Amino acid sequence: MQLPKPRGPLSTALCADLAGGRTLREATFAAAHALVAAATDPLTDDDLQLSLAICYELHYRGFDEVDDDWEWDPELLRLRALLEQRHTAALCALVTPVEVTDAPVDQQLAAVIAADDGPSLSRYLAKHGTVERWREYLTLRSVYHLKEGDPHTWAIPRIGGRAKAAMVEIQADEYGGGSPGRMHSQLFAGLMRDLDLDDGYGALWDLAPTVAFTSVNTMSLFGLHRRWRGACLGHLAAVEMTSSEPSRRYSLGLRRLGFGEGTTVFYDEHVEADAVHEQIASVDMCGSLVAEDPTLTADVLFGAQCSLAMDGLAADHLLGAWKAGRSALHGERSLAA
């Protein structure tokens, strides 16, 4: 994993500090404060989201040329907290809080999902997706799927009892039930190879659009902060409750282009697994969490809303670019040209 190409003053300064020094320069903090103050839409700001992703990646696999001691550097954590505050405020402004009711939380989650009216990428790719647009979609999703499971797994030590057991059951499937070749991240890597994409971890960061980082940064925020454990579980529940049918359509879209089950196995796996995970996530995991601590119900619903909102941002970006006849990737030329 190499440091990505910077996308603005802050990521430029941050990458320089991580690669070449042992302390953050005052100029880097100045760039962070200037960016936070000036960003009109933090969730789509290239420099802010990439910088936050770089900070979070130190908690995952790190970067080849960056000392591991940076992971817990107090000054870097102070800078990350500044970006997190702006990101969190933007999330709260993006989604309208739903009223918590006395209904079981699985029913409340289902209501949140039913109310979502975001555009459907799976329907578009199933019927109209070309190989090139599939490559762009996979490039965006690679930022998450090549670490699939990891952002949510941070929450496991932060919960207990039946909620923890249910989450471990879900995550065990994400990691292939002990079989490395069946890990969902590995199945996705195989899908990338079949479409002639570099499946190296982080290899496509420089091409990925901003919304790819916004989505994973939201998961990392929820997973790494105990305060957001409810949101983390709600986010995961929404993923599990909404992926089975879209995965079926994605599989159909790839088969329409002539790809076989060796390529579609990633989506075929999710059609079956997530149909089972839906009940485990909503009833056993989230239901048990809020039964133990009802004050977390609002956070669970907020996490689910954020999951749906991030999917909406990605769909809007991709479909908007394709409708305009241009690439949806970062820095790419128009497809029409």
C-alpha atoms as a PDB file:
ATOM      1  CA  MET A   1       0.000   0.000   0.000  1.00  0.00           C
ATOM      2  CA  GLN A   2       1.586   3.235  -1.200  1.00  0.00           C
ATOM      3  CA  LEU A   3       0.652   6.739  -0.135  1.00  0.00           C
ATOM      4  CA  PRO A   4      -1.866   8.061  -2.667  1.00  0.00           C
ATOM      5  CA  LYS A   5      -1.364  11.094  -4.867  1.00  0.00           C
ATOM      6  CA  PRO A   6      -2.480  14.200  -2.956  1.00  0.00           C
ATOM      7  CA  ARG A   7      -5.633  16.030  -3.989  1.00  0.00           C
ATOM      8  CA  GLY A   8      -5.097  19.378  -2.329  1.00  0.00           C
ATOM      9  CA  PRO A   9      -2.967  21.367   0.137  1.00  0.00           C
ATOM     10  CA  LEU A  10      -3.784  19.272   3.206  1.00  0.00           C
ATOM     11  CA  SER A  11      -3.212  15.844   1.662  1.00  0.00           C
ATOM     12  CA  THR A  12      -0.006  17.192   0.089  1.00  0.00           C
ATOM     13  CA  ALA A  13       1.307  18.383   3.437  1.00  0.00           C
ATOM     14  CA  LEU A  14       0.083  15.273   5.265  1.00  0.00           C
ATOM     15  CA  CYS A  15       1.741  12.852   2.837  1.00  0.00           C
ATOM     16  CA  ALA A  16       4.991  14.808   3.040  1.00  0.00           C
ATOM     17  CA  ASP A  17       4.957  14.651   6.840  1.00  0.00           C
ATOM     18  CA  LEU A  18       4.121  10.936   7.001  1.00  0.00           C
ATOM     19  CA  ALA A  19       6.781   9.968   4.481  1.00  0.00           C
ATOM     20  CA  GLY A  20       9.570  12.242   5.584  1.00  0.00           C
ATOM     21  CA  GLY A  21       9.316  13.144   9.229  1.00  0.00           C
ATOM     22  CA  ARG A  22       8.341  12.209  12.743  1.00  0.00           C
ATOM     23  CA  THR A  23       6.169  15.176  13.623  1.00  0.00           C
ATOM     24  CA  LEU A  24       3.406  17.107  11.951  1.00  0.00           C
ATOM     25  CA  ARG A  25       4.428  20.584  10.863  1.00  0.00           C
ATOM     26  CA  GLU A  26       2.451  23.620  11.914  1.00  0.00           C
ATOM     27  CA  ALA A  27       1.851  24.263   8.227  1.00  0.00           C
ATOM     28  CA  THR A  28      -0.070  20.973   8.043  1.00  0.00           C
ATOM     29  CA  PHE A  29      -2.359  22.003  10.888  1.00  0.00           C
ATOM     30  CA  ALA A  30      -2.820  25.380   9.240  1.00  0.00           C
ATOM     31  CA  ALA A  31      -3.864  23.629   6.017  1.00  0.00           C
ATOM     32  CA  ALA A  32      -6.325  21.468   7.977  1.00  0.00           C
ATOM     33  CA  HIS A  33      -7.937  24.437   9.708  1.00  0.00           C
ATOM     34  CA  ALA A  34      -8.169  26.326   6.418  1.00  0.00           C
ATOM     35  CA  LEU A  35      -9.769  23.334   4.694  1.00  0.00           C
ATOM     36  CA  VAL A  36     -12.299  22.702   7.461  1.00  0.00           C
ATOM     37  CA  ALA A  37     -13.301  26.352   7.447  1.00  0.00           C
ATOM     38  CA  ALA A  38     -13.563  26.624   3.668  1.00  0.00           C
ATOM     39  CA  ALA A  39     -15.163  23.299   2.716  1.00  0.00           C
ATOM     40  CA  THR A  40     -18.707  23.940   1.524  1.00  0.00           C
ATOM     41  CA  ASP A  41     -19.517  20.239   1.110  1.00  0.00           C
ATOM     42  CA  PRO A  42     -17.170  18.163   3.273  1.00  0.00           C
ATOM     43  CA  LEU A  43     -18.610  14.847   2.097  1.00  0.00           C
ATOM     44  CA  THR A  44     -17.550  15.496  -1.502  1.00  0.00           C
ATOM     45  CA  ASP A  45     -14.387  17.479  -0.803  1.00  0.00           C
ATOM     46  CA  ASP A  46     -11.448  15.657  -2.413  1.00  0.00           C
ATOM     47  CA  ASP A  47      -8.764  16.979  -0.089  1.00  0.00           C
ATOM     48  CA  LEU A  48     -10.711  16.476   3.133  1.00  0.00           C
ATOM     49  CA  GLN A  49     -11.950  12.961   2.403  1.00  0.00           C
ATOM     50  CA  LEU A  50      -8.602  11.685   1.089  1.00  0.00           C
ATOM     51  CA  SER A  51      -6.770  13.152   4.090  1.00  0.00           C
ATOM     52  CA  LEU A  52      -9.205  11.492   6.477  1.00  0.00           C
ATOM     53  CA  ALA A  53      -8.851   8.190   4.598  1.00  0.00           C
ATOM     54  CA  ILE A  54      -5.062   8.402   4.932  1.00  0.00           C
ATOM     55  CA  CYS A  55      -5.387   8.942   8.687  1.00  0.00           C
ATOM     56  CA  TYR A  56      -7.733   5.974   9.027  1.00  0.00           C
ATOM     57  CA  GLU A  57      -5.638   3.682   6.824  1.00  0.00           C
ATOM     58  CA  LEU A  58      -2.888   3.796   9.459  1.00  0.00           C
ATOM     59  CA  HIS A  59      -5.266   1.716  11.623  1.00  0.00           C
ATOM     60  CA  TYR A  60      -5.721  -0.862   8.868  1.00  0.00           C
ATOM     61  CA  ARG A  61      -2.638  -1.903   6.893  1.00  0.00           C
ATOM     62  CA  GLY A  62      -0.675   1.319   6.860  1.00  0.00           C
ATOM     63  CA  PHE A  63       1.605   2.488   4.056  1.00  0.00           C
ATOM     64  CA  ASP A  64       4.894   0.996   2.909  1.00  0.00           C
ATOM     65  CA  GLU A  65       6.929   4.182   3.354  1.00  0.00           C
ATOM     66  CA  VAL A  66       5.261   5.327   6.593  1.00  0.00           C
ATOM     67  CA  ASP A  67       6.499   4.403  10.070  1.00  0.00           C
ATOM     68  CA  ASP A  68       3.948   2.372  12.047  1.00  0.00           C
ATOM     69  CA  ASP A  69       4.426   4.693  15.022  1.00  0.00           C
ATOM     70  CA  TRP A  70       2.318   7.283  13.197  1.00  0.00           C
ATOM     71  CA  GLU A  71      -0.815   5.251  13.968  1.00  0.00           C
ATOM     72  CA  TRP A  72      -1.092   6.594  17.517  1.00  0.00           C
ATOM     73  CA  ASP A  73       0.802   9.869  17.131  1.00  0.00           C
ATOM     74  CA  PRO A  74      -1.051  12.362  19.374  1.00  0.00           C
ATOM     75  CA  GLU A  75      -0.708  15.259  16.964  1.00  0.00           C
ATOM     76  CA  LEU A  76      -1.949  13.213  14.032  1.00  0.00           C
ATOM     77  CA  LEU A  77      -4.933  12.077  16.098  1.00  0.00           C
ATOM     78  CA  ARG A  78      -5.632  15.733  16.907  1.00  0.00           C
ATOM     79  CA  LEU A  79      -5.648  16.568  13.217  1.00  0.00           C
ATOM     80  CA  ARG A  80      -7.847  13.553  12.455  1.00  0.00           C
ATOM     81  CA  ALA A  81     -10.319  14.639  15.129  1.00  0.00           C
ATOM     82  CA  LEU A  82     -10.616  18.024  13.416  1.00  0.00           C
ATOM     83  CA  LEU A  83     -11.529  16.333  10.121  1.00  0.00           C
ATOM     84  CA  GLU A  84     -13.857  13.889  11.881  1.00  0.00           C
ATOM     85  CA  GLN A  85     -15.806  16.706  13.491  1.00  0.00           C
ATOM     86  CA  ARG A  86     -16.420  18.293  10.096  1.00  0.00           C
ATOM     87  CA  HIS A  87     -17.316  14.938   8.552  1.00  0.00           C
ATOM     88  CA  THR A  88     -19.712  14.049  11.378  1.00  0.00           C
ATOM     89  CA  ALA A  89     -21.446  17.418  11.227  1.00  0.00           C
ATOM     90  CA  ALA A  90     -21.939  16.938   7.488  1.00  0.00           C
ATOM     91  CA  LEU A  91     -23.460  13.492   8.052  1.00  0.00           C
ATOM     92  CA  CYS A  92     -25.880  14.911  10.597  1.00  0.00           C
ATOM     93  CA  ALA A  93     -26.848  17.640   8.134  1.00  0.00           C
ATOM     94  CA  LEU A  94     -27.310  15.132   5.308  1.00  0.00           C
ATOM     95  CA  VAL A  95     -29.796  12.798   6.979  1.00  0.00           C
ATOM     96  CA  THR A  96     -33.042  13.788   8.647  1.00  0.00           C
ATOM     97  CA  PRO A  97     -33.333  12.079  12.052  1.00  0.00           C
ATOM     98  CA  VAL A  98     -36.218   9.632  12.315  1.00  0.00           C
ATOM     99  CA  GLU A  99     -38.400   9.496  15.381  1.00  0.00           C
ATOM    100  CA  VAL A 100     -37.644   6.573  17.667  1.00  0.00           C
ATOM    101  CA  THR A 101     -40.787   4.564  18.425  1.00  0.00           C
ATOM    102  CA  ASP A 102     -41.700   1.681  20.704  1.00  0.00           C
ATOM    103  CA  ALA A 103     -41.686  -0.767  17.783  1.00  0.00           C
ATOM    104  CA  PRO A 104     -38.964  -3.454  17.680  1.00  0.00           C
ATOM    105  CA  VAL A 105     -35.793  -1.998  16.219  1.00  0.00           C
ATOM    106  CA  ASP A 106     -35.832  -4.431  13.283  1.00  0.00           C
ATOM    107  CA  GLN A 107     -39.179  -2.949  12.244  1.00  0.00           C
ATOM    108  CA  GLN A 108     -37.829   0.568  12.644  1.00  0.00           C
ATOM    109  CA  LEU A 109     -34.819  -0.342  10.485  1.00  0.00           C
ATOM    110  CA  ALA A 110     -37.130  -1.795   7.849  1.00  0.00           C
ATOM    111  CA  ALA A 111     -39.116   1.449   7.858  1.00  0.00           C
ATOM    112  CA  VAL A 112     -35.951   3.507   7.343  1.00  0.00           C
ATOM    113  CA  ILE A 113     -34.988   1.330   4.386  1.00  0.00           C
ATOM    114  CA  ALA A 114     -38.477   1.422   2.907  1.00  0.00           C
ATOM    115  CA  ALA A 115     -38.448   5.234   3.040  1.00  0.00           C
ATOM    116  CA  ASP A 116     -35.227   5.481   1.051  1.00  0.00           C
ATOM    117  CA  ASP A 117     -35.817   6.660  -2.503  1.00  0.00           C
ATOM    118  CA  GLY A 118     -32.242   6.843  -3.763  1.00  0.00           C
ATOM    119  CA  PRO A 119     -31.295   5.864  -7.328  1.00  0.00           C
ATOM    120  CA  SER A 120     -30.519   2.203  -8.080  1.00  0.00           C
ATOM    121  CA  LEU A 121     -27.087   1.445  -9.478  1.00  0.00           C
ATOM    122  CA  SER A 122     -27.835  -2.267  -9.601  1.00  0.00           C
ATOM    123  CA  ARG A 123     -30.806  -1.778 -11.930  1.00  0.00           C
ATOM    124  CA  TYR A 124     -28.754   0.409 -14.248  1.00  0.00           C
ATOM    125  CA  LEU A 125     -25.762  -1.935 -14.399  1.00  0.00           C
ATOM    126  CA  ALA A 126     -27.992  -4.995 -14.776  1.00  0.00           C
ATOM    127  CA  LYS A 127     -29.643  -3.586 -17.897  1.00  0.00           C
ATOM    128  CA  HIS A 128     -27.294  -1.003 -19.343  1.00  0.00           C
ATOM    129  CA  GLY A 129     -23.845  -1.399 -17.818  1.00  0.00           C
ATOM    130  CA  THR A 130     -20.958  -1.733 -20.279  1.00  0.00           C
ATOM    131  CA  VAL A 131     -17.683  -3.408 -19.357  1.00  0.00           C
ATOM    132  CA  GLU A 132     -16.042   0.013 -19.048  1.00  0.00           C
ATOM    133  CA  ARG A 133     -18.711   1.302 -16.698  1.00  0.00           C
ATOM    134  CA  TRP A 134     -18.475  -1.878 -14.682  1.00  0.00           C
ATOM    135  CA  ARG A 135     -14.749  -1.204 -14.313  1.00  0.00           C
ATOM    136  CA  GLU A 136     -15.486   2.267 -13.021  1.00  0.00           C
ATOM    137  CA  TYR A 137     -18.044   0.940 -10.569  1.00  0.00           C
ATOM    138  CA  LEU A 138     -15.635  -1.712  -9.291  1.00  0.00           C
ATOM    139  CA  THR A 139     -12.869   0.867  -8.958  1.00  0.00           C
ATOM    140  CA  LEU A 140     -15.095   2.919  -6.682  1.00  0.00           C
ATOM    141  CA  ARG A 141     -16.197  -0.103  -4.660  1.00  0.00           C
ATOM    142  CA  SER A 142     -12.665  -1.511  -4.363  1.00  0.00           C
ATOM    143  CA  VAL A 143     -11.844   1.064  -1.669  1.00  0.00           C
ATOM    144  CA  TYR A 144     -14.323  -0.774   0.559  1.00  0.00           C
ATOM    145  CA  HIS A 145     -14.593  -4.311  -0.770  1.00  0.00           C
ATOM    146  CA  LEU A 146     -10.856  -5.047  -0.618  1.00  0.00           C
ATOM    147  CA  LYS A 147     -11.125  -4.526   3.142  1.00  0.00           C
ATOM    148  CA  GLU A 148     -14.682  -5.845   3.399  1.00  0.00           C
ATOM    149  CA  GLY A 149     -15.729  -6.571   6.952  1.00  0.00           C
ATOM    150  CA  ASP A 150     -12.844  -4.714   8.562  1.00  0.00           C
ATOM    151  CA  PRO A 151     -14.475  -1.312   9.288  1.00  0.00           C
ATOM    152  CA  HIS A 152     -17.454  -2.914  11.047  1.00  0.00           C
ATOM    153  CA  THR A 153     -15.326  -5.481  12.874  1.00  0.00           C
ATOM    154  CA  TRP A 154     -13.845  -2.718  15.023  1.00  0.00           C
ATOM    155  CA  ALA A 155     -17.165  -2.693  16.923  1.00  0.00           C
ATOM    156  CA  ILE A 156     -16.943  -6.304  18.127  1.00  0.00           C
ATOM    157  CA  PRO A 157     -14.911  -5.579  21.293  1.00  0.00           C
ATOM    158  CA  ARG A 158     -17.192  -2.625  22.040  1.00  0.00           C
ATOM    159  CA  ILE A 159     -20.340  -4.722  22.518  1.00  0.00           C
ATOM    160  CA  GLY A 160     -21.240  -7.880  24.402  1.00  0.00           C
ATOM    161  CA  GLY A 161     -23.693 -10.727  24.853  1.00  0.00           C
ATOM    162  CA  ARG A 162     -26.051 -11.807  22.109  1.00  0.00           C
ATOM    163  CA  ALA A 163     -25.306  -8.691  20.016  1.00  0.00           C
ATOM    164  CA  LYS A 164     -21.606  -9.605  19.926  1.00  0.00           C
ATOM    165  CA  ALA A 165     -22.322 -13.254  19.085  1.00  0.00           C
ATOM    166  CA  ALA A 166     -24.608 -12.205  16.229  1.00  0.00           C
ATOM    167  CA  MET A 167     -22.067  -9.772  14.841  1.00  0.00           C
ATOM    168  CA  VAL A 168     -19.310 -12.376  14.979  1.00  0.00           C
ATOM    169  CA  GLU A 169     -21.553 -14.795  13.096  1.00  0.00           C
ATOM    170  CA  ILE A 170     -22.065 -12.245  10.318  1.00  0.00           C
ATOM    171  CA  GLN A 171     -18.427 -11.237  10.162  1.00  0.00           C
ATOM    172  CA  ALA A 172     -17.246 -14.853  10.126  1.00  0.00           C
ATOM    173  CA  ASP A 173     -19.036 -15.247   6.802  1.00  0.00           C
ATOM    174  CA  GLU A 174     -17.420 -12.041   5.529  1.00  0.00           C
ATOM    175  CA  TYR A 175     -14.049 -13.655   6.248  1.00  0.00           C
ATOM    176  CA  GLY A 176     -14.920 -16.889   4.473  1.00  0.00           C
ATOM    177  CA  GLY A 177     -15.725 -18.994   7.519  1.00  0.00           C
ATOM    178  CA  GLY A 178     -12.027 -19.680   7.991  1.00  0.00           C
ATOM    179  CA  SER A 179     -11.274 -20.344   4.312  1.00  0.00           C
ATOM    180  CA  PRO A 180      -9.008 -17.607   2.886  1.00  0.00           C
ATOM    181  CA  GLY A 181     -10.177 -18.204  -0.668  1.00  0.00           C
ATOM    182  CA  ARG A 182     -13.809 -17.630   0.355  1.00  0.00           C
ATOM    183  CA  MET A 183     -13.186 -14.304   2.063  1.00  0.00           C
ATOM    184  CA  HIS A 184     -15.445 -11.754   0.420  1.00  0.00           C
ATOM    185  CA  SER A 185     -12.492  -9.442  -0.148  1.00  0.00           C
ATOM    186  CA  GLN A 186     -10.758 -12.237  -2.074  1.00  0.00           C
ATOM    187  CA  LEU A 187     -13.861 -13.000  -4.117  1.00  0.00           C
ATOM    188  CA  PHE A 188     -14.063  -9.317  -5.026  1.00  0.00           C
ATOM    189  CA  ALA A 189     -10.386  -9.296  -5.983  1.00  0.00           C
ATOM    190  CA  GLY A 190     -11.101 -12.177  -8.355  1.00  0.00           C
ATOM    191  CA  LEU A 191     -13.949 -10.193  -9.891  1.00  0.00           C
ATOM    192  CA  MET A 192     -11.573  -7.278 -10.430  1.00  0.00           C
ATOM    193  CA  ARG A 193      -9.012  -9.482 -12.152  1.00  0.00           C
ATOM    194  CA  ASP A 194     -11.652 -10.887 -14.491  1.00  0.00           C
ATOM    195  CA  LEU A 195     -12.436  -7.338 -15.596  1.00  0.00           C
ATOM    196  CA  ASP A 196      -8.738  -6.530 -16.080  1.00  0.00           C
ATOM    197  CA  LEU A 197      -8.392  -4.332 -13.009  1.00  0.00           C
ATOM    198  CA  ASP A 198      -5.451  -4.213 -10.612  1.00  0.00           C
ATOM    199  CA  ASP A 199      -6.672  -6.084  -7.509  1.00  0.00           C
ATOM    200  CA  GLY A 200      -3.820  -4.947  -5.264  1.00  0.00           C
ATOM    201  CA  TYR A 201      -4.916  -3.538  -1.921  1.00  0.00           C
ATOM    202  CA  GLY A 202      -5.252   0.220  -2.387  1.00  0.00           C
ATOM    203  CA  ALA A 203      -3.904   0.057  -5.949  1.00  0.00           C
ATOM    204  CA  LEU A 204      -6.801   2.056  -7.404  1.00  0.00           C
ATOM    205  CA  TRP A 205      -7.013   4.794  -4.782  1.00  0.00           C
ATOM    206  CA  ASP A 206      -5.662   7.382  -7.204  1.00  0.00           C
ATOM    207  CA  LEU A 207      -8.514   6.660  -9.629  1.00  0.00           C
ATOM    208  CA  ALA A 208     -11.299   6.316  -7.071  1.00  0.00           C
ATOM    209  CA  PRO A 209     -13.747   9.238  -6.860  1.00  0.00           C
ATOM    210  CA  THR A 210     -14.164  11.105  -3.608  1.00  0.00           C
ATOM    211  CA  VAL A 211     -17.424   9.393  -2.663  1.00  0.00           C
ATOM    212  CA  ALA A 212     -15.570   6.072  -2.388  1.00  0.00           C
ATOM    213  CA  PHE A 213     -13.564   7.492   0.504  1.00  0.00           C
ATOM    214  CA  THR A 214     -16.570   9.251   2.019  1.00  0.00           C
ATOM    215  CA  SER A 215     -18.360   5.926   2.344  1.00  0.00           C
ATOM    216  CA  VAL A 216     -15.461   4.040   3.941  1.00  0.00           C
ATOM    217  CA  ASN A 217     -14.536   6.994   6.159  1.00  0.00           C
ATOM    218  CA  THR A 218     -18.065   6.898   7.563  1.00  0.00           C
ATOM    219  CA  MET A 219     -17.675   3.203   8.397  1.00  0.00           C
ATOM    220  CA  SER A 220     -14.242   3.785   9.940  1.00  0.00           C
ATOM    221  CA  LEU A 221     -15.580   6.659  12.028  1.00  0.00           C
ATOM    222  CA  PHE A 222     -18.354   4.482  13.416  1.00  0.00           C
ATOM    223  CA  GLY A 223     -16.130   1.467  13.976  1.00  0.00           C
ATOM    224  CA  LEU A 224     -13.198   3.218  15.636  1.00  0.00           C
ATOM    225  CA  HIS A 225     -15.233   5.239  18.140  1.00  0.00           C
ATOM    226  CA  ARG A 226     -17.033   3.468  20.968  1.00  0.00           C
ATOM    227  CA  ARG A 227     -19.419   6.412  21.103  1.00  0.00           C
ATOM    228  CA  TRP A 228     -20.679   5.380  17.635  1.00  0.00           C
ATOM    229  CA  ARG A 229     -20.994   1.627  18.269  1.00  0.00           C
ATOM    230  CA  GLY A 230     -24.758   1.814  17.801  1.00  0.00           C
ATOM    231  CA  ALA A 231     -24.339   3.590  14.476  1.00  0.00           C
ATOM    232  CA  CYS A 232     -21.787   0.996  13.401  1.00  0.00           C
ATOM    233  CA  LEU A 233     -24.250  -1.833  14.011  1.00  0.00           C
ATOM    234  CA  GLY A 234     -27.057   0.076  12.340  1.00  0.00           C
ATOM    235  CA  HIS A 235     -24.848   0.723   9.328  1.00  0.00           C
ATOM    236  CA  LEU A 236     -23.951  -2.963   9.067  1.00  0.00           C
ATOM    237  CA  ALA A 237     -27.593  -3.967   9.460  1.00  0.00           C
ATOM    238  CA  ALA A 238     -28.597  -1.685   6.589  1.00  0.00           C
ATOM    239  CA  VAL A 239     -25.874  -3.190   4.403  1.00  0.00           C
ATOM    240  CA  GLU A 240     -27.090  -6.703   5.132  1.00  0.00           C
ATOM    241  CA  MET A 241     -30.766  -5.826   4.746  1.00  0.00           C
ATOM    242  CA  THR A 242     -30.349  -4.121   1.371  1.00  0.00           C
ATOM    243  CA  SER A 243     -27.712  -6.125  -0.502  1.00  0.00           C
ATOM    244  CA  SER A 244     -29.345  -9.436  -1.413  1.00  0.00           C
ATOM    245  CA  GLU A 245     -31.606  -8.234  -4.248  1.00  0.00           C
ATOM    246  CA  PRO A 246     -29.092  -5.726  -5.680  1.00  0.00           C
ATOM    247  CA  SER A 247     -26.444  -8.465  -5.639  1.00  0.00           C
ATOM    248  CA  ARG A 248     -28.762 -10.646  -7.726  1.00  0.00           C
ATOM    249  CA  ARG A 249     -29.111  -7.823 -10.251  1.00  0.00           C
ATOM    250  CA  TYR A 250     -25.351  -7.205 -10.332  1.00  0.00           C
ATOM    251  CA  SER A 251     -24.835 -10.899 -11.054  1.00  0.00           C
ATOM    252  CA  LEU A 252     -27.378 -10.756 -13.864  1.00  0.00           C
ATOM    253  CA  GLY A 253     -25.636  -7.713 -15.306  1.00  0.00           C
ATOM    254  CA  LEU A 254     -22.287  -9.485 -15.462  1.00  0.00           C
ATOM    255  CA  ARG A 255     -23.855 -12.570 -17.023  1.00  0.00           C
ATOM    256  CA  ARG A 256     -25.496 -10.343 -19.638  1.00  0.00           C
ATOM    257  CA  LEU A 257     -21.979  -9.277 -20.655  1.00  0.00           C
ATOM    258  CA  GLY A 258     -20.876 -12.891 -21.001  1.00  0.00           C
ATOM    259  CA  PHE A 259     -19.154 -13.468 -17.660  1.00  0.00           C
ATOM    260  CA  GLY A 260     -19.700 -16.788 -15.923  1.00  0.00           C
ATOM    261  CA  GLU A 261     -20.116 -17.951 -12.348  1.00  0.00           C
ATOM    262  CA  GLY A 262     -16.380 -17.725 -11.724  1.00  0.00           C
ATOM    263  CA  THR A 263     -16.781 -13.959 -12.055  1.00  0.00           C
ATOM    264  CA  THR A 264     -20.222 -13.561 -10.487  1.00  0.00           C
ATOM    265  CA  VAL A 265     -19.418 -15.641  -7.387  1.00  0.00           C
ATOM    266  CA  PHE A 266     -18.864 -12.506  -5.302  1.00  0.00           C
ATOM    267  CA  TYR A 267     -22.436 -11.343  -5.905  1.00  0.00           C
ATOM    268  CA  ASP A 268     -23.900 -14.853  -5.883  1.00  0.00           C
ATOM    269  CA  GLU A 269     -22.406 -15.306  -2.420  1.00  0.00           C
ATOM    270  CA  HIS A 270     -24.104 -12.139  -1.185  1.00  0.00           C
ATOM    271  CA  VAL A 271     -27.487 -13.141  -2.579  1.00  0.00           C
ATOM    272  CA  GLU A 272     -27.534 -16.162  -0.293  1.00  0.00           C
ATOM    273  CA  ALA A 273     -25.507 -14.972   2.683  1.00  0.00           C
ATOM    274  CA  ASP A 274     -27.165 -11.592   3.146  1.00  0.00           C
ATOM    275  CA  ALA A 275     -30.659 -13.054   2.932  1.00  0.00           C
ATOM    276  CA  VAL A 276     -29.727 -14.985   6.094  1.00  0.00           C
ATOM    277  CA  HIS A 277     -27.746 -12.123   7.626  1.00  0.00           C
ATOM    278  CA  GLU A 278     -30.713  -9.757   7.371  1.00  0.00           C
ATOM    279  CA  GLN A 279     -32.541 -11.327  10.299  1.00  0.00           C
ATOM    280  CA  ILE A 280     -29.382 -11.907  12.308  1.00  0.00           C
ATOM    281  CA  ALA A 281     -28.331  -8.268  11.879  1.00  0.00           C
ATOM    282  CA  SER A 282     -31.664  -6.597  12.535  1.00  0.00           C
ATOM    283  CA  VAL A 283     -33.133  -8.863  15.213  1.00  0.00           C
ATOM    284  CA  ASP A 284     -30.259 -10.615  16.987  1.00  0.00           C
ATOM    285  CA  MET A 285     -27.553  -7.979  16.656  1.00  0.00           C
ATOM    286  CA  CYS A 286     -29.354  -4.628  16.729  1.00  0.00           C
ATOM    287  CA  GLY A 287     -32.340  -5.919  18.670  1.00  0.00           C
ATOM    288  CA  SER A 288     -30.131  -7.286  21.425  1.00  0.00           C
ATOM    289  CA  LEU A 289     -28.019  -4.145  21.533  1.00  0.00           C
ATOM    290  CA  VAL A 290     -30.963  -1.813  22.119  1.00  0.00           C
ATOM    291  CA  ALA A 291     -32.654  -4.249  24.492  1.00  0.00           C
ATOM    292  CA  GLU A 292     -29.601  -3.881  26.700  1.00  0.00           C
ATOM    293  CA  ASP A 293     -29.280  -0.131  26.136  1.00  0.00           C
ATOM    294  CA  PRO A 294     -32.394   1.536  24.625  1.00  0.00           C
ATOM    295  CA  THR A 295     -30.579   4.888  24.436  1.00  0.00           C
ATOM    296  CA  LEU A 296     -28.626   3.503  21.457  1.00  0.00           C
ATOM    297  CA  THR A 297     -31.733   3.090  19.289  1.00  0.00           C
ATOM    298  CA  ALA A 298     -31.392   6.527  17.703  1.00  0.00           C
ATOM    299  CA  ASP A 299     -27.739   5.822  16.865  1.00  0.00           C
ATOM    300  CA  VAL A 300     -28.641   2.483  15.275  1.00  0.00           C
ATOM    301  CA  LEU A 301     -31.179   4.202  13.030  1.00  0.00           C
ATOM    302  CA  PHE A 302     -28.736   7.023  12.262  1.00  0.00           C
ATOM    303  CA  GLY A 303     -26.114   4.493  11.174  1.00  0.00           C
ATOM    304  CA  ALA A 304     -28.614   2.824   8.857  1.00  0.00           C
ATOM    305  CA  GLN A 305     -29.576   6.186   7.379  1.00  0.00           C
ATOM    306  CA  CYS A 306     -25.929   7.016   6.765  1.00  0.00           C
ATOM    307  CA  SER A 307     -25.413   3.697   4.987  1.00  0.00           C
ATOM    308  CA  LEU A 308     -28.279   4.451   2.616  1.00  0.00           C
ATOM    309  CA  ALA A 309     -27.112   8.032   2.151  1.00  0.00           C
ATOM    310  CA  MET A 310     -23.591   6.920   1.208  1.00  0.00           C
ATOM    311  CA  ASP A 311     -25.046   4.533  -1.368  1.00  0.00           C
ATOM    312  CA  GLY A 312     -27.051   7.457  -2.719  1.00  0.00           C
ATOM    313  CA  LEU A 313     -23.966   9.659  -3.022  1.00  0.00           C
ATOM    314  CA  ALA A 314     -22.138   6.945  -4.949  1.00  0.00           C
ATOM    315  CA  ALA A 315     -25.089   6.313  -7.258  1.00  0.00           C
ATOM    316  CA  ASP A 316     -25.605  10.022  -7.913  1.00  0.00           C
ATOM    317  CA  HIS A 317     -21.932  10.438  -8.763  1.00  0.00           C
ATOM    318  CA  LEU A 318     -21.685   7.464 -11.103  1.00  0.00           C
ATOM    319  CA  LEU A 319     -25.012   7.874 -12.857  1.00  0.00           C
ATOM    320  CA  GLY A 320     -24.532  11.626 -13.170  1.00  0.00           C
ATOM    321  CA  ALA A 321     -21.134  11.205 -14.800  1.00  0.00           C
ATOM    322  CA  TRP A 322     -22.335   8.502 -17.176  1.00  0.00           C
ATOM    323  CA  LYS A 323     -25.396  10.487 -18.183  1.00  0.00           C
ATOM    324  CA  ALA A 324     -23.101  13.394 -19.009  1.00  0.00           C
ATOM    325  CA  GLY A 325     -20.931  11.116 -21.139  1.00  0.00           C
ATOM    326  CA  ARG A 326     -17.829  11.341 -18.977  1.00  0.00           C
ATOM    327  CA  SER A 327     -15.827   9.052 -16.765  1.00  0.00           C
ATOM    328  CA  ALA A 328     -16.803   8.857 -13.118  1.00  0.00           C
ATOM    329  CA  LEU A 329     -13.218   8.236 -12.047  1.00  0.00           C
ATOM    330  CA  HIS A 330     -10.932  10.839 -10.531  1.00  0.00           C
ATOM    331  CA  GLY A 331      -9.112  12.852 -13.176  1.00  0.00           C
ATOM    332  CA  GLU A 332     -10.357  10.773 -16.113  1.00  0.00           C
ATOM    333  CA  ARG A 333     -11.224  12.234 -19.489  1.00  0.00           C
ATOM    334  CA  SER A 334     -14.707  12.247 -20.951  1.00  0.00           C
ATOM    335  CA  LEU A 335     -15.899   8.898 -22.284  1.00  0.00           C
ATOM    336  CA  ALA A 336     -17.473  10.754 -25.192  1.00  0.00           C
ATOM    337  CA  ALA A 337     -14.065  12.172 -26.154  1.00  0.00           C
END
